[in-house]
N, C-alpha and C. Protein backbone atom coordinates (compact mmCIF):
# COMPACT_ATOMS: atom_id res chain seq x y z
N UNK A 1 -7.71 -18.07 -10.21
CA UNK A 1 -6.78 -17.68 -9.03
C UNK A 1 -5.88 -16.62 -9.25
N UNK A 2 -5.57 -16.00 -8.51
CA UNK A 2 -4.52 -14.90 -8.55
C UNK A 2 -3.29 -15.32 -8.31
N UNK A 3 -2.25 -15.31 -9.14
CA UNK A 3 -0.89 -15.55 -8.94
C UNK A 3 -0.04 -14.19 -8.31
N UNK A 4 0.37 -14.39 -7.17
CA UNK A 4 1.02 -13.36 -6.23
C UNK A 4 2.90 -14.07 -6.26
N UNK A 5 3.49 -13.15 -6.35
CA UNK A 5 5.13 -13.74 -6.26
C UNK A 5 5.57 -12.87 -5.80
N UNK A 6 6.78 -13.23 -5.08
CA UNK A 6 7.76 -12.24 -4.33
C UNK A 6 8.34 -11.40 -5.05
N UNK A 7 8.27 -10.09 -5.03
CA UNK A 7 9.08 -9.09 -5.40
C UNK A 7 10.39 -8.92 -5.54
N UNK A 8 11.10 -8.51 -6.43
CA UNK A 8 12.86 -8.42 -6.16
C UNK A 8 13.34 -6.90 -6.49
N UNK A 9 14.54 -6.67 -6.58
CA UNK A 9 15.04 -5.33 -6.61
C UNK A 9 14.74 -5.05 -8.04
N UNK A 10 14.42 -5.89 -8.75
CA UNK A 10 14.26 -5.67 -10.44
C UNK A 10 12.69 -4.88 -10.51
N UNK A 11 12.14 -4.80 -9.40
CA UNK A 11 10.51 -4.59 -9.30
C UNK A 11 10.45 -3.14 -8.85
N UNK A 12 11.69 -2.55 -8.19
CA UNK A 12 11.52 -1.43 -7.53
C UNK A 12 10.92 -0.42 -8.40
N UNK A 13 11.28 -0.03 -9.56
CA UNK A 13 10.50 1.10 -10.39
C UNK A 13 9.26 0.95 -10.73
N UNK A 14 8.82 -0.38 -11.09
CA UNK A 14 7.49 -0.72 -11.37
C UNK A 14 6.84 -0.49 -10.08
N UNK A 15 7.15 -0.80 -8.73
CA UNK A 15 6.52 -0.64 -7.51
C UNK A 15 6.18 1.02 -7.47
N UNK A 16 7.27 1.73 -7.70
CA UNK A 16 7.02 3.00 -7.47
C UNK A 16 5.99 3.73 -8.25
N UNK A 17 5.89 3.16 -9.60
CA UNK A 17 5.19 3.51 -10.85
C UNK A 17 3.70 3.18 -10.25
N UNK A 18 3.64 1.94 -9.97
CA UNK A 18 2.43 1.71 -9.51
C UNK A 18 2.02 2.19 -8.32
N UNK A 19 2.69 2.80 -7.34
CA UNK A 19 2.26 3.37 -6.15
C UNK A 19 1.75 4.92 -6.77
N UNK A 20 2.53 5.29 -7.72
CA UNK A 20 2.05 6.71 -8.13
C UNK A 20 1.00 6.78 -8.85
N UNK A 21 0.47 5.84 -9.79
CA UNK A 21 -0.67 5.76 -10.38
C UNK A 21 -2.04 5.59 -9.36
N UNK A 22 -1.74 4.72 -8.72
CA UNK A 22 -2.86 4.40 -7.53
C UNK A 22 -3.02 5.63 -6.66
N UNK A 23 -1.84 6.43 -6.30
CA UNK A 23 -2.06 7.52 -5.25
C UNK A 23 -2.67 8.65 -6.36
N UNK A 24 -2.12 8.88 -7.68
CA UNK A 24 -2.58 9.99 -8.33
C UNK A 24 -4.26 9.94 -8.67
N UNK A 25 -4.56 8.65 -8.45
CA UNK A 25 -6.16 8.33 -8.89
C UNK A 25 -7.08 8.37 -7.57
N UNK A 26 -6.55 7.67 -6.61
CA UNK A 26 -7.13 7.52 -5.22
C UNK A 26 -7.27 8.88 -4.16
N UNK A 27 -5.95 9.45 -4.43
CA UNK A 27 -5.59 10.59 -3.27
C UNK A 27 -5.25 11.59 -3.84
N UNK A 28 -6.06 12.24 -5.34
CA UNK A 28 -5.88 13.42 -5.99
C UNK A 28 -6.44 14.69 -4.79
N UNK A 29 -7.50 13.98 -4.13
CA UNK A 29 -8.10 15.26 -3.35
C UNK A 29 -7.07 15.67 -2.19
N UNK A 30 -6.32 14.78 -1.88
CA UNK A 30 -5.37 14.96 -0.91
C UNK A 30 -4.02 15.55 -1.37
N UNK A 31 -3.40 15.11 -2.23
CA UNK A 31 -2.08 15.69 -2.86
C UNK A 31 -2.56 16.62 -4.14
N UNK A 32 -3.59 16.98 -4.55
CA UNK A 32 -3.70 17.75 -5.67
C UNK A 32 -2.51 17.59 -6.71
N UNK A 33 -2.07 19.05 -7.07
CA UNK A 33 -1.00 19.03 -7.92
C UNK A 33 0.47 18.90 -7.79
N UNK A 34 0.49 18.57 -6.55
CA UNK A 34 2.04 18.54 -6.06
C UNK A 34 2.78 17.71 -6.60
N UNK A 35 4.30 17.79 -6.83
CA UNK A 35 4.87 17.14 -7.39
C UNK A 35 5.01 15.56 -6.82
N UNK A 36 4.98 14.51 -7.61
CA UNK A 36 5.22 13.34 -6.84
C UNK A 36 6.57 13.00 -6.26
N UNK A 37 6.67 12.55 -5.15
CA UNK A 37 8.18 12.44 -4.87
C UNK A 37 8.93 11.12 -5.38
N UNK A 38 8.94 11.17 -6.47
CA UNK A 38 9.47 9.68 -7.14
C UNK A 38 10.67 9.32 -6.81
N UNK A 39 11.75 10.16 -6.44
CA UNK A 39 13.08 9.68 -6.08
C UNK A 39 12.91 9.04 -4.73
N UNK A 40 12.11 9.68 -3.68
CA UNK A 40 12.21 9.38 -2.39
C UNK A 40 11.46 8.19 -2.22
N UNK A 41 10.39 8.13 -3.07
CA UNK A 41 9.51 6.82 -2.99
C UNK A 41 10.34 5.40 -3.59
N UNK A 42 11.00 5.63 -4.71
CA UNK A 42 11.92 4.73 -5.11
C UNK A 42 12.95 4.41 -4.00
N UNK A 43 13.60 5.15 -3.60
CA UNK A 43 14.50 5.04 -2.58
C UNK A 43 13.97 3.95 -1.31
N UNK A 44 12.75 4.21 -1.07
CA UNK A 44 12.12 3.43 0.16
C UNK A 44 11.88 2.20 -0.50
N UNK A 45 11.55 2.12 -1.65
CA UNK A 45 11.18 0.40 -2.30
C UNK A 45 12.36 -0.16 -2.26
N UNK A 46 13.39 0.65 -2.68
CA UNK A 46 14.89 -0.22 -2.91
C UNK A 46 15.15 -0.69 -1.27
N UNK A 47 15.02 0.25 -0.24
CA UNK A 47 15.11 -0.16 1.02
C UNK A 47 14.46 -1.14 1.58
N UNK A 48 13.16 -1.52 1.16
CA UNK A 48 12.12 -2.43 1.57
C UNK A 48 12.34 -3.76 0.95
N UNK A 49 12.79 -3.75 -0.30
CA UNK A 49 13.21 -4.56 -1.15
C UNK A 49 14.61 -5.46 -0.62
N UNK A 50 15.25 -4.77 0.23
CA UNK A 50 16.51 -5.13 0.46
C UNK A 50 16.59 -5.82 2.11
N UNK A 51 15.27 -5.30 2.86
CA UNK A 51 15.12 -5.67 4.39
C UNK A 51 14.43 -7.13 4.17
N UNK A 52 15.30 -7.99 4.96
CA UNK A 52 14.86 -9.53 5.19
C UNK A 52 13.52 -9.47 5.82
N UNK A 53 13.26 -8.65 6.58
CA UNK A 53 12.02 -8.83 7.62
C UNK A 53 10.60 -8.34 6.89
N UNK A 54 10.94 -7.76 5.57
CA UNK A 54 9.73 -7.18 4.84
C UNK A 54 9.54 -8.16 3.68
N UNK A 55 8.17 -8.38 3.79
CA UNK A 55 7.69 -9.36 2.35
C UNK A 55 6.84 -8.33 1.32
N UNK A 56 7.36 -8.35 0.12
CA UNK A 56 6.81 -7.58 -0.82
C UNK A 56 6.25 -8.48 -1.88
N UNK A 57 5.00 -8.69 -2.15
CA UNK A 57 4.61 -9.57 -3.06
C UNK A 57 3.69 -9.00 -4.01
N UNK A 58 3.75 -9.27 -5.45
CA UNK A 58 3.05 -8.48 -6.56
C UNK A 58 2.13 -9.48 -7.50
N UNK A 59 1.24 -8.78 -7.84
CA UNK A 59 0.62 -9.48 -9.09
C UNK A 59 0.70 -8.83 -10.37
N UNK A 60 0.89 -9.48 -11.44
CA UNK A 60 1.18 -8.74 -12.78
C UNK A 60 0.23 -9.28 -13.86
N UNK A 61 0.19 -8.51 -15.22
CA UNK A 61 -0.13 -8.98 -16.00
C UNK A 61 0.75 -8.27 -17.28
N UNK A 62 0.25 -8.50 -18.57
CA UNK A 62 0.86 -8.22 -19.75
C UNK A 62 1.35 -6.56 -19.71
N UNK A 63 0.64 -5.63 -19.07
CA UNK A 63 1.26 -4.47 -18.86
C UNK A 63 1.82 -4.05 -17.90
N UNK A 64 2.22 -4.89 -17.03
CA UNK A 64 3.28 -4.80 -15.79
C UNK A 64 2.42 -4.99 -14.39
N UNK A 65 3.12 -4.19 -13.35
CA UNK A 65 2.28 -4.69 -12.01
C UNK A 65 0.88 -4.15 -11.71
N UNK A 66 0.01 -5.13 -11.24
CA UNK A 66 -1.33 -4.95 -11.00
C UNK A 66 -1.29 -4.46 -9.64
N UNK A 67 -0.89 -4.94 -8.81
CA UNK A 67 -1.13 -4.87 -7.16
C UNK A 67 0.11 -5.27 -6.48
N UNK A 68 0.37 -4.73 -5.46
CA UNK A 68 1.29 -5.33 -4.28
C UNK A 68 0.82 -4.86 -2.95
N UNK A 69 1.49 -5.87 -2.19
CA UNK A 69 1.41 -5.65 -0.69
C UNK A 69 2.79 -5.91 0.00
N UNK A 70 2.94 -5.15 0.81
CA UNK A 70 4.24 -5.25 1.68
C UNK A 70 3.86 -5.28 3.07
N UNK A 71 4.51 -6.42 3.70
CA UNK A 71 4.13 -6.40 5.29
C UNK A 71 5.42 -6.89 5.92
N UNK A 72 5.36 -6.89 7.39
CA UNK A 72 6.42 -7.32 8.06
C UNK A 72 6.33 -8.16 9.02
N UNK A 73 5.37 -8.78 9.25
CA UNK A 73 4.99 -9.88 10.18
C UNK A 73 3.98 -9.13 11.35
N UNK A 74 4.13 -7.70 11.44
CA UNK A 74 3.40 -7.22 12.81
C UNK A 74 2.55 -6.15 11.74
N UNK A 75 3.00 -5.48 10.56
CA UNK A 75 2.32 -4.57 9.91
C UNK A 75 2.13 -4.60 8.52
N UNK A 76 1.00 -3.95 8.21
CA UNK A 76 0.85 -4.11 6.70
C UNK A 76 1.66 -2.80 6.23
N UNK A 77 2.47 -2.80 5.55
CA UNK A 77 3.40 -1.48 5.24
C UNK A 77 2.72 -0.93 4.08
N UNK A 78 2.35 -1.65 3.01
CA UNK A 78 1.91 -1.05 1.78
C UNK A 78 0.92 -1.82 0.98
N UNK A 79 -0.16 -1.15 0.44
CA UNK A 79 -1.00 -2.15 -0.27
C UNK A 79 -1.63 -0.80 -1.60
N UNK A 80 -1.39 -1.40 -2.65
CA UNK A 80 -2.01 -0.79 -3.77
C UNK A 80 -2.44 -1.71 -4.92
N UNK A 81 -3.35 -1.25 -5.70
CA UNK A 81 -3.84 -1.82 -6.79
C UNK A 81 -4.26 -0.92 -7.90
N UNK A 82 -3.68 -1.28 -9.13
CA UNK A 82 -3.94 -0.55 -10.51
C UNK A 82 -5.12 -0.14 -10.40
N UNK A 83 -5.53 1.26 -10.74
CA UNK A 83 -7.00 1.74 -10.65
C UNK A 83 -7.81 0.88 -12.00
N UNK A 84 -7.31 0.47 -12.95
CA UNK A 84 -8.17 -0.28 -13.79
C UNK A 84 -8.30 -1.50 -13.08
N UNK A 85 -7.91 -1.92 -12.34
CA UNK A 85 -8.05 -3.38 -11.49
C UNK A 85 -9.00 -3.32 -10.17
N UNK A 86 -9.41 -1.86 -9.88
CA UNK A 86 -9.99 -1.68 -8.79
C UNK A 86 -11.36 -2.44 -8.38
N UNK A 87 -11.56 -2.72 -7.45
CA UNK A 87 -12.95 -3.40 -7.39
C UNK A 87 -13.19 -4.78 -7.70
N UNK A 88 -12.14 -5.58 -7.88
CA UNK A 88 -11.95 -7.02 -8.31
C UNK A 88 -11.49 -7.83 -7.37
N UNK A 89 -11.24 -7.39 -6.33
CA UNK A 89 -10.87 -8.44 -4.85
C UNK A 89 -9.51 -8.19 -4.68
N UNK A 90 -8.43 -7.61 -5.49
CA UNK A 90 -6.94 -7.87 -5.13
C UNK A 90 -6.50 -7.04 -3.88
N UNK A 91 -7.04 -5.85 -3.73
CA UNK A 91 -6.70 -5.18 -2.58
C UNK A 91 -7.29 -6.04 -1.35
N UNK A 92 -8.31 -6.71 -1.31
CA UNK A 92 -8.78 -7.37 -0.22
C UNK A 92 -7.67 -8.71 -0.12
N UNK A 93 -7.47 -9.46 -1.41
CA UNK A 93 -6.64 -10.41 -1.42
C UNK A 93 -5.27 -10.11 -0.65
N UNK A 94 -4.58 -8.98 -1.05
CA UNK A 94 -3.39 -8.70 -0.63
C UNK A 94 -3.39 -8.15 0.58
N UNK A 95 -4.52 -7.74 1.21
CA UNK A 95 -4.85 -7.37 2.65
C UNK A 95 -4.67 -8.61 3.70
N UNK A 96 -5.54 -9.76 2.92
CA UNK A 96 -5.56 -10.93 3.89
C UNK A 96 -3.98 -11.67 3.75
N UNK A 97 -3.35 -11.71 2.68
CA UNK A 97 -1.99 -12.15 2.69
C UNK A 97 -1.33 -11.53 3.76
N UNK A 98 -1.26 -9.92 4.08
CA UNK A 98 -0.54 -9.55 5.12
C UNK A 98 -0.88 -9.91 6.36
N UNK A 99 -2.12 -10.23 6.62
CA UNK A 99 -3.03 -10.65 7.94
C UNK A 99 -2.69 -11.75 8.17
N UNK A 100 -2.78 -12.67 7.04
CA UNK A 100 -2.47 -14.09 7.30
C UNK A 100 -0.66 -14.43 8.03
N UNK A 101 0.04 -13.41 7.34
CA UNK A 101 1.52 -13.50 8.22
C UNK A 101 1.67 -12.87 9.18
N UNK A 102 0.64 -12.28 9.75
CA UNK A 102 0.41 -11.68 11.11
C UNK A 102 0.64 -10.27 11.17
N UNK A 103 0.18 -9.45 10.01
CA UNK A 103 -0.09 -8.12 10.28
C UNK A 103 -1.18 -7.73 11.09
N UNK A 104 -1.01 -6.95 12.19
CA UNK A 104 -2.24 -6.47 12.89
C UNK A 104 -2.18 -5.10 13.29
N UNK A 105 -1.57 -4.29 12.38
CA UNK A 105 -1.68 -3.09 12.19
C UNK A 105 -1.23 -2.42 10.92
N UNK A 106 -1.45 -1.21 10.77
CA UNK A 106 -0.96 -0.60 9.55
C UNK A 106 -1.54 1.16 9.81
N UNK A 107 -0.94 1.84 9.02
CA UNK A 107 -1.37 3.39 8.78
C UNK A 107 -1.98 3.82 7.47
N UNK A 108 -2.92 4.46 7.62
CA UNK A 108 -3.54 4.86 6.54
C UNK A 108 -4.07 6.59 6.49
N UNK A 109 -3.91 7.21 5.61
CA UNK A 109 -4.20 8.55 5.39
C UNK A 109 -5.83 8.42 6.07
N UNK A 110 -5.96 9.79 6.67
CA UNK A 110 -7.32 9.84 7.21
C UNK A 110 -8.32 10.31 6.13
N UNK A 111 -7.70 10.80 5.09
CA UNK A 111 -8.68 11.06 4.04
C UNK A 111 -8.64 9.98 2.81
N UNK A 112 -8.18 9.04 3.18
CA UNK A 112 -7.97 7.78 1.98
C UNK A 112 -9.17 7.06 2.40
N UNK A 113 -10.38 7.55 1.75
CA UNK A 113 -11.77 6.67 2.23
C UNK A 113 -11.87 5.38 1.48
N UNK A 114 -11.54 5.10 0.34
CA UNK A 114 -11.48 4.08 -0.25
C UNK A 114 -10.54 2.71 0.64
N UNK A 115 -9.23 3.27 1.09
CA UNK A 115 -8.53 2.28 1.85
C UNK A 115 -9.26 1.87 3.08
N UNK A 116 -9.77 3.19 4.03
CA UNK A 116 -10.35 2.76 5.17
C UNK A 116 -11.58 2.32 5.29
N UNK A 117 -12.52 2.27 3.94
CA UNK A 117 -13.60 1.52 3.48
C UNK A 117 -13.15 -0.28 3.71
N UNK A 118 -12.17 -0.33 3.01
CA UNK A 118 -11.56 -1.76 2.74
C UNK A 118 -11.40 -2.38 4.21
N UNK A 119 -10.42 -1.55 4.80
CA UNK A 119 -9.89 -2.08 6.27
C UNK A 119 -11.27 -2.09 7.27
N UNK A 120 -11.93 -1.15 7.20
CA UNK A 120 -13.33 -1.35 8.14
C UNK A 120 -14.22 -2.41 7.83
N UNK A 121 -14.23 -2.91 6.29
CA UNK A 121 -15.16 -3.88 5.90
C UNK A 121 -14.55 -5.12 6.20
N UNK A 122 -13.22 -5.17 6.66
CA UNK A 122 -12.62 -6.37 7.07
C UNK A 122 -12.45 -6.47 8.62
N UNK A 123 -13.30 -5.63 9.56
CA UNK A 123 -13.28 -5.59 10.78
C UNK A 123 -12.10 -4.73 11.24
N UNK A 124 -11.12 -3.91 10.59
CA UNK A 124 -10.28 -3.25 11.52
C UNK A 124 -10.81 -1.94 11.77
N UNK A 125 -10.18 -1.36 12.86
CA UNK A 125 -10.77 0.11 13.20
C UNK A 125 -9.58 0.87 13.79
N UNK A 126 -9.73 2.22 13.73
CA UNK A 126 -8.47 3.19 14.01
C UNK A 126 -8.46 2.98 15.73
N UNK A 127 -7.12 2.93 15.81
CA UNK A 127 -6.73 2.62 17.27
C UNK A 127 -6.86 4.17 18.27
N UNK A 128 -6.75 5.42 17.47
CA UNK A 128 -6.83 6.28 18.24
C UNK A 128 -5.78 7.16 17.99
N UNK A 129 -4.60 6.74 17.73
CA UNK A 129 -3.15 7.00 17.24
C UNK A 129 -3.11 7.73 15.94
N UNK A 130 -2.39 8.74 16.07
CA UNK A 130 -2.24 9.38 14.65
C UNK A 130 -0.83 10.07 14.21
N UNK A 131 -0.41 10.11 13.10
CA UNK A 131 0.76 10.76 12.98
C UNK A 131 0.80 11.53 11.67
N UNK A 132 1.95 12.41 11.33
CA UNK A 132 1.81 13.07 10.23
C UNK A 132 2.48 12.50 9.04
N UNK A 133 2.02 12.51 7.86
CA UNK A 133 2.36 11.72 6.67
C UNK A 133 3.89 12.28 6.58
N UNK A 134 4.64 11.66 5.79
CA UNK A 134 6.32 12.42 5.59
C UNK A 134 6.19 13.13 4.30
N UNK A 135 5.16 13.23 3.53
CA UNK A 135 5.27 13.70 2.34
C UNK A 135 4.27 14.83 2.47
N UNK A 136 4.33 16.14 1.55
CA UNK A 136 3.59 17.28 1.54
C UNK A 136 2.26 16.91 1.10
N UNK A 137 1.58 17.49 1.37
CA UNK A 137 1.22 18.37 2.31
C UNK A 137 1.03 18.03 3.90
N UNK A 138 1.45 16.77 4.05
CA UNK A 138 1.74 16.19 5.48
C UNK A 138 0.13 15.88 6.15
N UNK A 139 -0.29 15.41 5.28
CA UNK A 139 -1.84 15.04 6.02
C UNK A 139 -1.65 14.00 7.04
N UNK A 140 -2.85 13.98 7.77
CA UNK A 140 -2.91 13.05 8.98
C UNK A 140 -2.95 11.61 8.67
N UNK A 141 -2.20 10.57 9.16
CA UNK A 141 -2.31 9.16 9.44
C UNK A 141 -3.05 8.79 10.48
N UNK A 142 -3.85 7.77 10.34
CA UNK A 142 -4.35 7.05 11.31
C UNK A 142 -3.91 5.73 11.43
N UNK A 143 -3.75 4.99 12.76
CA UNK A 143 -3.11 3.74 12.68
C UNK A 143 -4.71 2.90 12.90
N UNK A 144 -4.76 1.99 12.26
CA UNK A 144 -5.70 0.74 12.19
C UNK A 144 -5.19 -0.41 13.02
N UNK A 145 -5.82 -0.99 13.69
CA UNK A 145 -5.67 -2.06 14.13
C UNK A 145 -6.59 -3.46 14.17
N UNK A 146 -6.17 -4.44 14.07
CA UNK A 146 -6.90 -5.71 13.78
C UNK A 146 -8.04 -5.81 15.17
N UNK A 147 -8.99 -6.69 14.89
CA UNK A 147 -10.04 -6.84 15.80
C UNK A 147 -9.44 -7.74 16.88
């Protein structure tokens, strides 16, 4: 059984680093060689960890964080798994934790085939609403909704 724990401010840098590793591996076809927005992503994690309405949960091993999920009772905000732990069920488990806490919507990059495949395998579908991602090259994000 996987042990999830509530993240703290002490995890902010590790959350940023895990997000960077997962994004570089899974979204290289979207972001290419653009510099990773380390400072902006770290600032976002600091704010999220300080927000009492957001739950950030993590799984770790001896090398550091392996997975995280962040949700706020209505939305899945963030979900990532370290690439060396892909396809072992941690993404699905993190997603289910957010869903059990009330998440009924999320935003995913249109070209995030891996993420979209997971959400669709769990019955979620695009709502038809789109927005621009805040990071260059500003790809399209799709809103997904629970069935």
